[in-house]
């Protein structure tokens, strides 16, 4: 639960930075990086169970 609160605060500060500095081009880059990180985390956790199937 603490981690979600931290990530929410971090994302909020990032949006505030982009709003103040008119850096709208950076938002899609960060969203893609977060998506890739989530896929790697989920994929890495699920990969260990594939070996037990074969």
N, C-alpha and C. Protein backbone atom coordinates (compact mmCIF):
# COMPACT_ATOMS: atom_id res chain seq x y z
N UNK A 1 0.82 -1.19 0.00
CA UNK A 1 0.00 0.00 0.00
C UNK A 1 0.87 1.26 0.00
N UNK A 2 1.98 1.22 0.74
CA UNK A 2 2.89 2.36 0.78
C UNK A 2 3.49 2.62 -0.58
N UNK A 3 3.77 1.55 -1.31
CA UNK A 3 4.38 1.69 -2.63
C UNK A 3 3.44 2.41 -3.59
N UNK A 4 2.16 2.09 -3.54
CA UNK A 4 1.18 2.76 -4.41
C UNK A 4 1.08 4.24 -4.08
N UNK A 5 1.13 4.56 -2.80
CA UNK A 5 1.07 5.95 -2.39
C UNK A 5 2.30 6.70 -2.89
N UNK A 6 3.46 6.05 -2.81
CA UNK A 6 4.69 6.65 -3.29
C UNK A 6 4.64 6.87 -4.81
N UNK A 7 4.17 5.86 -5.55
CA UNK A 7 4.08 6.00 -7.00
C UNK A 7 3.09 7.08 -7.42
N UNK A 8 1.99 7.18 -6.69
CA UNK A 8 1.00 8.23 -6.99
C UNK A 8 1.60 9.61 -6.77
N UNK A 9 2.34 9.76 -5.67
CA UNK A 9 2.98 11.05 -5.39
C UNK A 9 4.04 11.36 -6.44
N UNK A 10 4.82 10.36 -6.83
CA UNK A 10 5.85 10.55 -7.83
C UNK A 10 5.24 10.96 -9.17
N UNK A 11 4.17 10.29 -9.58
CA UNK A 11 3.51 10.63 -10.83
C UNK A 11 2.89 12.02 -10.78
N UNK A 12 2.33 12.39 -9.64
CA UNK A 12 1.76 13.73 -9.48
C UNK A 12 2.82 14.81 -9.59
N UNK A 13 3.97 14.58 -8.98
CA UNK A 13 5.05 15.56 -9.08
C UNK A 13 5.57 15.65 -10.52
N UNK A 14 5.59 14.52 -11.20
CA UNK A 14 6.02 14.53 -12.59
C UNK A 14 5.06 15.33 -13.46
N UNK A 15 3.77 15.15 -13.26
CA UNK A 15 2.78 15.92 -14.02
C UNK A 15 2.87 17.40 -13.71
N UNK A 16 3.11 17.73 -12.45
CA UNK A 16 3.26 19.13 -12.08
C UNK A 16 4.49 19.74 -12.76
N UNK A 17 5.59 18.98 -12.82
CA UNK A 17 6.79 19.45 -13.52
C UNK A 17 6.50 19.70 -14.99
N UNK A 18 5.81 18.75 -15.64
CA UNK A 18 5.50 18.89 -17.06
C UNK A 18 4.57 20.09 -17.29
N UNK A 19 3.64 20.32 -16.39
CA UNK A 19 2.70 21.43 -16.52
C UNK A 19 3.42 22.77 -16.40
N UNK A 20 4.31 22.89 -15.42
CA UNK A 20 4.99 24.15 -15.19
C UNK A 20 6.00 24.47 -16.29
N UNK A 21 6.66 23.46 -16.82
CA UNK A 21 7.72 23.68 -17.80
C UNK A 21 7.26 23.45 -19.24
N UNK A 22 5.97 23.24 -19.42
CA UNK A 22 5.40 23.01 -20.75
C UNK A 22 6.12 21.89 -21.49
N UNK A 23 6.44 20.84 -20.78
CA UNK A 23 7.16 19.71 -21.35
C UNK A 23 6.20 18.55 -21.62
N UNK A 24 5.21 18.80 -22.47
CA UNK A 24 4.19 17.78 -22.74
C UNK A 24 4.75 16.60 -23.51
N UNK A 25 5.85 16.78 -24.24
CA UNK A 25 6.42 15.71 -25.03
C UNK A 25 7.02 14.61 -24.15
N UNK A 26 7.31 14.93 -22.89
CA UNK A 26 7.96 13.95 -22.02
C UNK A 26 6.96 12.97 -21.40
N UNK A 27 5.68 13.34 -21.35
CA UNK A 27 4.67 12.48 -20.72
C UNK A 27 4.53 11.14 -21.44
N UNK A 28 4.39 11.08 -22.76
CA UNK A 28 4.29 9.77 -23.42
C UNK A 28 5.53 8.90 -23.23
N UNK A 29 6.69 9.52 -23.18
CA UNK A 29 7.92 8.76 -22.97
C UNK A 29 7.91 8.06 -21.61
N UNK A 30 7.53 8.80 -20.59
CA UNK A 30 7.50 8.23 -19.24
C UNK A 30 6.41 7.16 -19.13
N UNK A 31 5.26 7.38 -19.76
CA UNK A 31 4.20 6.37 -19.72
C UNK A 31 4.64 5.08 -20.39
N UNK A 32 5.34 5.18 -21.50
CA UNK A 32 5.85 3.98 -22.18
C UNK A 32 6.89 3.28 -21.30
N UNK A 33 7.75 4.03 -20.65
CA UNK A 33 8.73 3.42 -19.76
C UNK A 33 8.07 2.70 -18.59
N UNK A 34 7.02 3.30 -18.02
CA UNK A 34 6.29 2.64 -16.95
C UNK A 34 5.62 1.36 -17.45
N UNK A 35 5.07 1.38 -18.66
CA UNK A 35 4.43 0.20 -19.22
C UNK A 35 5.44 -0.91 -19.46
N UNK A 36 6.60 -0.57 -19.99
CA UNK A 36 7.65 -1.58 -20.22
C UNK A 36 8.12 -2.16 -18.89
N UNK A 37 8.29 -1.32 -17.89
CA UNK A 37 8.71 -1.81 -16.57
C UNK A 37 7.67 -2.75 -15.98
N UNK A 38 6.39 -2.43 -16.15
CA UNK A 38 5.33 -3.30 -15.64
C UNK A 38 5.32 -4.64 -16.38
N UNK A 39 5.50 -4.60 -17.71
CA UNK A 39 5.54 -5.85 -18.47
C UNK A 39 6.73 -6.71 -18.09
N UNK A 40 7.89 -6.10 -17.88
CA UNK A 40 9.06 -6.87 -17.46
C UNK A 40 8.88 -7.47 -16.08
N UNK A 41 8.23 -6.74 -15.19
CA UNK A 41 7.99 -7.25 -13.85
C UNK A 41 7.02 -8.43 -13.88
N UNK A 42 5.94 -8.28 -14.60
CA UNK A 42 4.94 -9.36 -14.69
C UNK A 42 5.51 -10.54 -15.46
N UNK A 43 6.23 -10.27 -16.54
CA UNK A 43 6.82 -11.34 -17.34
C UNK A 43 7.90 -12.10 -16.59
N UNK A 44 8.69 -11.39 -15.82
CA UNK A 44 9.73 -12.04 -15.04
C UNK A 44 9.16 -12.92 -13.94
N UNK A 45 8.06 -12.48 -13.35
CA UNK A 45 7.43 -13.27 -12.28
C UNK A 45 6.75 -14.51 -12.85
N UNK A 46 6.22 -14.41 -14.06
CA UNK A 46 5.52 -15.55 -14.66
C UNK A 46 6.44 -16.52 -15.36
N UNK A 47 7.65 -16.10 -15.68
CA UNK A 47 8.57 -16.95 -16.44
C UNK A 47 9.03 -18.15 -15.64
N UNK A 48 9.12 -18.05 -14.35
CA UNK A 48 9.61 -19.15 -13.55
C UNK A 48 8.63 -20.33 -13.54
N UNK A 49 7.37 -20.09 -13.81
CA UNK A 49 6.39 -21.17 -13.81
C UNK A 49 6.32 -21.91 -15.14
N UNK A 50 6.86 -21.31 -16.19
CA UNK A 50 6.84 -21.96 -17.51
C UNK A 50 7.72 -23.19 -17.50
N UNK A 51 8.85 -23.15 -16.80
CA UNK A 51 9.77 -24.26 -16.78
C UNK A 51 9.15 -25.50 -16.13
N UNK A 52 8.23 -25.32 -15.22
CA UNK A 52 7.60 -26.46 -14.58
C UNK A 52 6.63 -27.18 -15.51
N UNK A 53 6.16 -26.50 -16.57
CA UNK A 53 5.23 -27.12 -17.50
C UNK A 53 5.93 -28.07 -18.47
N UNK A 54 7.20 -27.84 -18.74
CA UNK A 54 7.91 -28.64 -19.73
C UNK A 54 8.88 -29.53 -19.05
